[in-house]
Amino acid sequence: MLRSVLVAASMAVVLSACVDTESFIRVRAARELQCPPDQMVLVPRPDLTPNTYDVNACGRQARYTCARGYYSSSEAICVREPMGP
């Protein structure tokens, strides 16, 4: 029983981290790519890092890698990366 609760809690934290990371990417990409967030498609790139996403936004493409903030786990710092092959 306790194990089931711990697994469920861990999954909730992982899923919320993904949603938060995607929100930070959408905000930054909207500004940099001049595209509304609801018109973006985010593609996770776990082959690169667990927090890297390719973004397709209004005909433009970008790649972002995010990390949790040093002082607060509720903040993410997202960096635009060069698009490779």
Protein backbone atom coordinates (compact mmCIF):
# COMPACT_ATOMS: atom_id res chain seq x y z
CA MET A 1 0.00 0.00 0.00
CA LEU A 2 2.72 2.46 1.00
CA ARG A 3 4.66 1.60 -2.13
CA SER A 4 1.62 2.36 -4.33
CA VAL A 5 1.23 5.76 -2.67
CA LEU A 6 4.93 6.57 -3.15
CA VAL A 7 4.84 5.54 -6.82
CA ALA A 8 1.72 7.64 -7.44
CA ALA A 9 3.27 10.65 -5.69
CA SER A 10 6.49 10.30 -7.70
CA MET A 11 4.56 10.14 -10.97
CA ALA A 12 2.60 13.25 -10.03
CA VAL A 13 5.83 15.16 -9.41
CA VAL A 14 7.34 14.01 -12.71
CA LEU A 15 4.21 14.91 -14.67
CA SER A 16 3.91 18.32 -13.03
CA ALA A 17 7.58 19.02 -13.80
CA CYS A 18 6.95 18.24 -17.48
CA VAL A 19 3.94 20.54 -17.60
CA ASP A 20 5.85 23.35 -15.90
CA THR A 21 8.82 22.92 -18.22
CA GLU A 22 6.56 23.01 -21.26
CA SER A 23 4.88 26.17 -19.93
CA PHE A 24 8.26 27.91 -19.55
CA ILE A 25 9.23 26.86 -23.08
CA ARG A 26 5.94 28.11 -24.53
CA VAL A 27 6.36 31.53 -22.89
CA ARG A 28 9.92 31.94 -24.10
CA ALA A 29 9.26 30.57 -27.60
CA ALA A 30 6.18 32.80 -27.99
CA ARG A 31 8.38 35.84 -27.43
CA GLU A 32 11.34 34.67 -29.51
CA LEU A 33 9.43 33.10 -32.40
CA GLN A 34 6.56 35.60 -32.39
CA CYS A 35 3.93 32.88 -32.25
CA PRO A 36 0.96 32.38 -29.89
CA PRO A 37 1.53 29.45 -27.47
CA ASP A 38 -1.64 27.69 -28.61
CA GLN A 39 -0.19 27.41 -32.13
CA MET A 40 2.97 25.60 -31.00
CA VAL A 41 3.83 21.93 -31.08
CA LEU A 42 6.40 20.76 -28.52
CA VAL A 43 8.23 17.52 -29.22
CA PRO A 44 10.15 16.00 -26.29
CA ARG A 45 13.70 14.91 -27.16
CA PRO A 46 14.67 12.35 -24.50
CA ASP A 47 17.39 11.11 -26.87
CA LEU A 48 19.23 14.38 -26.15
CA THR A 49 18.29 15.15 -22.52
CA PRO A 50 15.16 14.60 -20.42
CA ASN A 51 14.41 18.34 -20.58
CA THR A 52 15.04 19.11 -24.25
CA TYR A 53 12.17 19.94 -26.61
CA ASP A 54 11.95 20.81 -30.28
CA VAL A 55 9.37 23.52 -30.92
CA ASN A 56 7.43 24.02 -34.14
CA ALA A 57 5.81 27.44 -34.00
CA CYS A 58 4.13 29.31 -36.85
CA GLY A 59 6.47 27.83 -39.46
CA ARG A 60 9.60 28.33 -37.36
CA GLN A 61 11.62 25.74 -35.46
CA ALA A 62 13.72 25.98 -32.32
CA ARG A 63 15.17 23.68 -29.67
CA TYR A 64 15.11 24.45 -25.95
CA THR A 65 16.77 22.75 -23.00
CA CYS A 66 15.53 23.56 -19.52
CA ALA A 67 16.87 23.11 -16.01
CA ARG A 68 15.23 23.71 -12.67
CA GLY A 69 16.24 26.90 -10.87
CA TYR A 70 18.96 26.74 -8.24
CA TYR A 71 17.00 28.59 -5.58
CA SER A 72 13.52 27.34 -6.37
CA SER A 73 12.32 24.09 -7.88
CA SER A 74 9.25 25.91 -9.20
CA GLU A 75 11.34 27.92 -11.65
CA ALA A 76 12.94 26.65 -14.82
CA ILE A 77 15.68 28.23 -16.89
CA CYS A 78 15.30 27.45 -20.58
CA VAL A 79 18.06 28.00 -23.13
CA ARG A 80 17.63 28.02 -26.88
CA GLU A 81 19.95 25.47 -28.46
CA PRO A 82 21.24 25.20 -32.01
CA MET A 83 19.20 22.83 -34.16
CA GLY A 84 21.36 19.94 -35.29
CA PRO A 85 20.74 17.34 -37.95
